[in-house]
Amino acid sequence: MSHLSPPHAARLASLLGQLAGTPVLVVGDPMLDRFLIGAVTRISPEAPVPVVAFEHEEHRLGGAANVAHNLAALGGEARLVGLVGADEDARTLRAALEARGIEGAGLIADAARRTTTKIRVVTNRNQQVARIDYESDEEAGGEAGDRLLARADALVQGARAILVSDYLKGTVTARLMARLVELSTRLRIPLLVDPKVPHLGYYRGAALVTPNQQEAEMATHLRIRTDAEARVAARAFRERAGCDAVIVTRGEHGMWLSGSEEGALPASAREVADVTGAGDTVIATLALALAAGGSLLEAATLASHAAALVVGKFGPATVTPGELRATIVEPT
């Protein structure tokens, strides 16, 4: 199965220069990732588990908030719409967004739910010991659902792409997706979705959906081990999702593009430290590059390079235009 010919480095560098200030509406499930970090020197006498001597705590943006952070780090204007609770974690999340130049006006506070928060207990060598999740995953309805639609209607004005980051935590509903498809059609801007299989029927009419290999296999009941199998599964996924194009992300095997251009895009990762949030980086880079006028192949190539950089970092992370430029511009 043939590999796609990569775009010229000069074209990718030019596209990178057009990302700055490009507005993208992000709709999805924002999360707060908290890390409790310490040293492990012994095993507990109470149970066969390590004892972590606490040293310090860190927090990072996760889920749709990490997508928005990735957009902002690449120079784009991220407009975030999503559900949070009326709690301390929501206040921490809002402050972290604002510190990175992302307004929290699109976050809907629902006192009946709690902010999605993942607490990871990690050693000072970045080894994860345990994870504790706090969440409410009921789909938004009633007043909260109405407010989400209103915020999306307001913040989409002037945006050049719509990005849906679906983590099955309640923000993304059939009603909201129908409105986003309507908005993307009326405004003639692309709608991209980082999907979850249980919501596959919601995404009909999207321009691009980006399942990982496991999600593509689950949705199509097809095995993917080769490029030929990826081609068949991606086409089947497109038909089931009712979308224009699909990019199946395959980790160390790269990506399979199925749309106006079809073929394999090899991975460019050199060292993998942590894959947490890599999908957020991919969808953010894709959306920003398409919004700036790039082709599907150009956007996917930039996204592949961005993913290769971010998996070399610990936890949910971002890349800068400078870092990305260094990976695509050949040395002179």
Protein backbone atom coordinates (compact mmCIF):
# COMPACT_ATOMS: atom_id res chain seq x y z
CA MET A 1 0.00 0.00 0.00
CA SER A 2 1.57 3.33 -1.04
CA HIS A 3 2.63 6.02 1.36
CA LEU A 4 1.59 9.59 0.72
CA SER A 5 4.29 11.92 -0.56
CA PRO A 6 4.98 14.51 2.16
CA PRO A 7 4.36 18.18 1.34
CA HIS A 8 7.38 20.38 0.68
CA ALA A 9 9.02 21.71 3.83
CA ALA A 10 8.75 25.26 2.49
CA ARG A 11 4.97 24.90 2.14
CA LEU A 12 4.64 23.57 5.69
CA ALA A 13 6.78 26.40 7.01
CA SER A 14 4.58 28.89 5.19
CA LEU A 15 1.45 27.29 6.64
CA LEU A 16 2.95 27.48 10.13
CA GLY A 17 3.34 31.21 9.65
CA GLN A 18 -0.39 31.53 8.96
CA LEU A 19 -1.55 29.89 12.21
CA ALA A 20 -1.11 32.94 14.43
CA GLY A 21 -4.39 34.51 15.50
CA THR A 22 -6.58 31.97 13.67
CA PRO A 23 -9.80 31.56 15.71
CA VAL A 24 -11.11 28.04 16.39
CA LEU A 25 -14.19 27.12 18.43
CA VAL A 26 -13.51 24.16 20.73
CA VAL A 27 -16.56 22.34 22.12
CA GLY A 28 -16.10 19.43 24.49
CA ASP A 29 -15.30 18.10 27.92
CA PRO A 30 -12.75 20.20 29.83
CA MET A 31 -10.76 18.45 32.55
CA LEU A 32 -8.28 19.24 35.27
CA ASP A 33 -5.29 16.89 35.59
CA ARG A 34 -3.70 16.94 39.04
CA PHE A 35 -0.39 15.22 39.78
CA LEU A 36 0.69 14.21 43.29
CA ILE A 37 4.43 13.66 42.99
CA GLY A 38 6.82 12.02 45.42
CA ALA A 39 9.58 9.49 45.99
CA VAL A 40 9.13 5.76 46.43
CA THR A 41 11.63 4.05 48.72
CA ARG A 42 9.66 1.17 50.21
CA ILE A 43 6.62 -1.08 49.93
CA SER A 44 3.74 -0.65 52.36
CA PRO A 45 3.58 -3.26 55.15
CA GLU A 46 -0.23 -3.08 54.90
CA ALA A 47 -0.51 -4.18 51.26
CA PRO A 48 1.87 -4.88 48.33
CA VAL A 49 1.78 -1.29 47.10
CA PRO A 50 4.49 1.40 46.98
CA VAL A 51 4.54 4.13 49.61
CA VAL A 52 4.85 7.54 47.93
CA ALA A 53 6.47 10.21 50.11
CA PHE A 54 4.68 13.35 48.90
CA GLU A 55 6.93 16.13 47.58
CA HIS A 56 4.77 18.49 45.54
CA GLU A 57 1.59 18.83 43.47
CA GLU A 58 1.14 20.05 39.90
CA HIS A 59 -1.95 20.60 37.79
CA ARG A 60 -2.41 20.76 34.03
CA LEU A 61 -5.23 21.29 31.58
CA GLY A 62 -6.85 18.11 30.28
CA GLY A 63 -9.49 17.00 27.78
CA ALA A 64 -11.00 19.83 25.74
CA ALA A 65 -9.08 22.32 27.90
CA ASN A 66 -5.84 20.67 26.76
CA VAL A 67 -7.02 20.94 23.15
CA ALA A 68 -7.60 24.67 23.67
CA HIS A 69 -4.18 24.96 25.32
CA ASN A 70 -2.56 23.26 22.32
CA LEU A 71 -4.30 25.68 19.95
CA ALA A 72 -3.12 28.65 21.99
CA ALA A 73 0.45 27.33 22.23
CA LEU A 74 0.55 27.12 18.41
CA GLY A 75 -0.56 30.74 18.19
CA GLY A 76 -4.25 30.20 17.49
CA GLU A 77 -7.19 31.87 19.21
CA ALA A 78 -8.98 29.17 21.20
CA ARG A 79 -12.64 29.68 22.13
CA LEU A 80 -13.70 26.97 24.57
CA VAL A 81 -17.26 25.81 25.31
CA GLY A 82 -17.88 23.04 27.85
CA LEU A 83 -19.34 21.94 31.17
CA VAL A 84 -17.74 22.30 34.59
CA GLY A 85 -19.00 22.12 38.14
CA ALA A 86 -19.41 24.96 40.60
CA ASP A 87 -16.44 23.82 42.65
CA GLU A 88 -12.82 24.54 43.52
CA ASP A 89 -11.49 22.45 40.63
CA ALA A 90 -13.51 24.60 38.22
CA ARG A 91 -11.95 27.73 39.68
CA THR A 92 -8.49 26.19 39.30
CA LEU A 93 -9.31 25.21 35.72
CA ARG A 94 -10.53 28.70 34.83
CA ALA A 95 -7.44 30.31 36.35
CA ALA A 96 -5.16 27.94 34.43
CA LEU A 97 -6.95 28.75 31.17
CA GLU A 98 -6.75 32.48 31.74
CA ALA A 99 -3.04 32.22 32.58
CA ARG A 100 -2.57 30.81 29.09
CA GLY A 101 -4.63 33.49 27.39
CA ILE A 102 -7.80 31.39 27.01
CA GLU A 103 -11.03 32.98 28.19
CA GLY A 104 -13.37 30.95 30.35
CA ALA A 105 -16.55 32.71 29.23
CA GLY A 106 -17.69 29.62 27.33
CA LEU A 107 -17.55 27.33 30.37
CA ILE A 108 -20.98 26.51 31.76
CA ALA A 109 -21.05 25.97 35.53
CA ASP A 110 -23.56 23.31 36.56
CA ALA A 111 -23.91 22.97 40.33
CA ALA A 112 -25.46 19.52 39.88
CA ARG A 113 -22.24 18.03 38.55
CA ARG A 114 -18.58 18.15 39.45
CA THR A 115 -15.67 19.24 37.33
CA THR A 116 -14.00 16.27 35.67
CA THR A 117 -10.70 15.84 37.51
CA LYS A 118 -8.05 13.14 37.20
CA ILE A 119 -5.63 12.77 40.09
CA ARG A 120 -2.48 10.83 39.27
CA VAL A 121 -0.05 9.64 41.94
CA VAL A 122 3.34 9.75 40.26
CA THR A 123 6.91 9.07 41.34
CA ASN A 124 9.59 11.70 40.86
CA ARG A 125 10.79 9.55 37.96
CA ASN A 126 7.45 10.08 36.19
CA GLN A 127 6.16 6.58 36.87
CA GLN A 128 2.43 6.49 37.50
CA VAL A 129 1.40 4.59 40.63
CA ALA A 130 -2.38 5.18 40.66
CA ARG A 131 -5.13 7.34 39.16
CA ILE A 132 -8.31 8.59 40.79
CA ASP A 133 -11.10 10.05 38.63
CA TYR A 134 -13.79 12.47 39.81
CA GLU A 135 -16.51 13.01 37.25
CA SER A 136 -20.16 13.35 36.33
CA ASP A 137 -20.92 11.92 32.91
CA GLU A 138 -24.65 12.53 32.47
CA GLU A 139 -25.37 14.28 29.18
CA ALA A 140 -26.25 17.95 29.51
CA GLY A 141 -29.94 18.69 29.33
CA GLY A 142 -32.40 21.35 30.43
CA GLU A 143 -30.92 24.73 31.26
CA ALA A 144 -27.30 23.53 30.98
CA GLY A 145 -27.99 22.17 27.49
CA ASP A 146 -29.64 25.44 26.44
CA ARG A 147 -26.70 27.46 27.74
CA LEU A 148 -24.20 25.32 25.86
CA LEU A 149 -26.04 25.97 22.60
CA ALA A 150 -26.19 29.69 23.30
CA ARG A 151 -22.46 29.89 24.06
CA ALA A 152 -21.61 27.95 20.92
CA ASP A 153 -23.82 30.25 18.82
CA ALA A 154 -22.11 33.32 20.25
CA LEU A 155 -18.48 32.16 20.18
CA VAL A 156 -18.58 30.63 16.69
CA GLN A 157 -18.92 34.06 15.13
CA GLY A 158 -15.71 34.75 13.19
CA ALA A 159 -14.26 31.30 13.90
CA ARG A 160 -12.61 29.51 10.99
CA ALA A 161 -13.12 25.97 12.27
CA ILE A 162 -15.15 24.06 14.86
CA LEU A 163 -13.44 21.32 16.86
CA VAL A 164 -15.34 18.82 19.01
CA SER A 165 -13.35 17.08 21.76
CA ASP A 166 -15.66 14.32 22.99
CA TYR A 167 -14.68 12.45 26.16
CA LEU A 168 -18.19 11.17 27.04
CA LYS A 169 -18.39 13.46 30.08
CA GLY A 170 -21.70 15.12 29.20
CA THR A 171 -20.95 18.17 27.08
CA VAL A 172 -21.43 16.57 23.66
CA THR A 173 -25.06 15.64 22.99
CA ALA A 174 -26.99 14.79 19.83
CA ARG A 175 -28.73 18.16 20.07
CA LEU A 176 -25.48 20.11 20.41
CA MET A 177 -23.80 18.20 17.57
CA ALA A 178 -26.76 18.87 15.27
CA ARG A 179 -26.37 22.60 15.96
CA LEU A 180 -22.62 22.48 15.33
CA VAL A 181 -23.15 20.69 12.00
CA GLU A 182 -25.72 23.35 11.08
CA LEU A 183 -23.32 26.14 12.03
CA SER A 184 -20.39 24.65 10.11
CA THR A 185 -22.57 24.29 7.00
CA ARG A 186 -24.01 27.78 7.23
CA LEU A 187 -20.66 29.44 7.96
CA ARG A 188 -18.76 27.19 5.52
CA ILE A 189 -16.10 26.22 8.03
CA PRO A 190 -14.80 22.70 8.75
CA LEU A 191 -16.11 20.67 11.69
CA LEU A 192 -13.59 18.24 13.18
CA VAL A 193 -14.32 15.59 15.83
CA ASP A 194 -12.06 13.66 18.17
CA PRO A 195 -14.62 10.91 18.72
CA LYS A 196 -15.90 8.33 21.16
CA VAL A 197 -17.53 5.26 19.62
CA PRO A 198 -20.82 5.39 21.62
CA HIS A 199 -21.50 8.81 20.05
CA LEU A 200 -20.65 7.80 16.48
CA GLY A 201 -24.16 8.55 15.26
CA TYR A 202 -23.88 12.13 16.53
CA TYR A 203 -21.09 13.08 14.12
CA ARG A 204 -22.90 12.77 10.79
CA GLY A 205 -22.06 15.78 8.63
CA ALA A 206 -18.61 16.43 10.12
CA ALA A 207 -15.75 17.26 7.78
CA LEU A 208 -13.19 15.13 9.59
CA VAL A 209 -13.28 12.52 12.39
CA THR A 210 -10.06 11.25 13.98
CA PRO A 211 -10.47 7.84 15.69
CA ASN A 212 -7.44 6.05 17.04
CA GLN A 213 -6.84 2.50 15.84
CA GLN A 214 -8.74 0.88 18.71
CA GLU A 215 -11.75 3.15 18.19
CA ALA A 216 -11.76 2.45 14.44
CA GLU A 217 -11.67 -1.28 15.11
CA MET A 218 -14.49 -1.06 17.67
CA ALA A 219 -16.69 1.02 15.38
CA THR A 220 -16.23 -1.15 12.29
CA HIS A 221 -15.60 -4.60 13.83
CA LEU A 222 -12.56 -4.84 11.57
CA ARG A 223 -9.00 -5.65 12.56
CA ILE A 224 -6.24 -3.20 11.63
CA ARG A 225 -2.72 -4.61 11.42
CA THR A 226 -1.64 -3.46 7.97
CA ASP A 227 -2.09 -0.46 5.72
CA ALA A 228 -4.49 -2.45 3.56
CA GLU A 229 -6.64 -3.23 6.60
CA ALA A 230 -6.45 0.42 7.70
CA ARG A 231 -7.74 1.49 4.30
CA VAL A 232 -10.77 -0.82 4.49
CA ALA A 233 -11.56 0.14 8.10
CA ALA A 234 -11.19 3.88 7.46
CA ARG A 235 -13.61 3.71 4.54
CA ALA A 236 -16.07 1.71 6.64
CA PHE A 237 -15.72 4.23 9.48
CA ARG A 238 -16.43 7.11 7.08
CA GLU A 239 -19.61 5.40 5.95
CA ARG A 240 -20.78 4.63 9.50
CA ALA A 241 -19.99 8.11 10.82
CA GLY A 242 -21.34 9.90 7.75
CA CYS A 243 -18.34 12.23 7.61
CA ASP A 244 -16.31 13.58 4.69
CA ALA A 245 -12.90 12.34 5.81
CA VAL A 246 -11.27 10.15 8.44
CA ILE A 247 -7.78 10.05 9.91
CA VAL A 248 -7.03 6.89 11.85
CA THR A 249 -4.15 7.50 14.26
CA ARG A 250 -2.04 4.36 14.69
CA GLY A 251 0.69 5.28 17.18
CA GLU A 252 4.11 4.12 16.03
CA HIS A 253 2.52 3.08 12.71
CA GLY A 254 1.59 6.68 11.87
CA MET A 255 -1.75 7.70 10.40
CA TRP A 256 -4.10 6.53 7.68
CA LEU A 257 -5.84 9.31 5.74
CA SER A 258 -9.14 8.59 4.00
CA GLY A 259 -10.76 11.48 2.21
CA SER A 260 -9.80 13.76 -0.65
CA GLU A 261 -6.36 12.21 -0.24
CA GLU A 262 -5.91 8.57 0.81
CA GLY A 263 -2.87 6.74 2.08
CA ALA A 264 -0.46 6.15 4.92
CA LEU A 265 1.49 8.87 6.69
CA PRO A 266 4.43 7.38 8.63
CA ALA A 267 5.06 8.31 12.26
CA SER A 268 7.96 10.61 13.04
CA ALA A 269 8.29 10.00 16.79
CA ARG A 270 11.83 9.35 17.96
CA GLU A 271 11.37 8.83 21.71
CA VAL A 272 8.10 8.14 23.55
CA ALA A 273 7.86 9.21 27.19
CA ASP A 274 4.10 9.61 27.66
CA VAL A 275 1.22 9.39 25.19
CA THR A 276 -1.22 11.21 27.52
CA GLY A 277 -2.98 13.97 25.55
CA ALA A 278 -1.32 13.15 22.23
CA GLY A 279 -4.72 12.93 20.55
CA ASP A 280 -5.51 16.43 21.82
CA THR A 281 -2.36 17.74 20.15
CA VAL A 282 -3.23 15.97 16.89
CA ILE A 283 -6.77 17.32 16.61
CA ALA A 284 -5.72 20.84 17.66
CA THR A 285 -2.97 20.97 15.03
CA LEU A 286 -5.26 19.56 12.36
CA ALA A 287 -8.00 22.09 13.08
CA LEU A 288 -5.67 25.07 13.17
CA ALA A 289 -3.87 24.08 9.97
CA LEU A 290 -7.13 23.48 8.08
CA ALA A 291 -8.54 26.74 9.41
CA ALA A 292 -5.43 28.53 8.13
CA GLY A 293 -6.00 27.15 4.62
CA GLY A 294 -3.93 23.97 4.62
CA SER A 295 -4.91 20.81 2.77
CA LEU A 296 -5.80 17.61 4.60
CA LEU A 297 -2.36 16.15 3.88
CA GLU A 298 -0.55 19.32 4.96
CA ALA A 299 -2.57 19.51 8.18
CA ALA A 300 -2.00 15.82 8.91
CA THR A 301 1.73 16.14 8.31
CA LEU A 302 1.99 19.02 10.78
CA ALA A 303 -0.14 17.05 13.25
CA SER A 304 2.16 14.03 12.93
CA HIS A 305 5.20 16.15 13.69
CA ALA A 306 3.40 17.78 16.64
CA ALA A 307 2.45 14.38 18.05
CA ALA A 308 6.04 13.18 17.74
CA LEU A 309 7.15 16.11 19.86
CA VAL A 310 4.44 15.91 22.51
CA VAL A 311 4.86 12.19 23.28
CA GLY A 312 8.42 13.00 24.30
CA LYS A 313 7.07 15.12 27.16
CA PHE A 314 5.43 14.08 30.43
CA GLY A 315 1.66 14.40 30.91
CA PRO A 316 -0.69 16.55 28.84
CA ALA A 317 1.66 18.88 26.97
CA THR A 318 1.86 21.31 24.07
CA VAL A 319 4.26 22.26 21.30
CA THR A 320 5.26 25.68 20.05
CA PRO A 321 5.55 26.89 16.45
CA GLY A 322 9.33 27.08 16.94
CA GLU A 323 9.54 23.46 18.03
CA LEU A 324 7.34 22.38 15.15
CA ARG A 325 9.26 24.46 12.62
CA ALA A 326 12.54 22.81 13.67
CA THR A 327 11.13 19.38 12.79
CA ILE A 328 9.92 20.26 9.31
CA VAL A 329 12.46 22.71 7.93
CA GLU A 330 15.50 20.99 6.54
CA PRO A 331 18.82 22.43 7.81
CA THR A 332 20.53 24.78 5.42
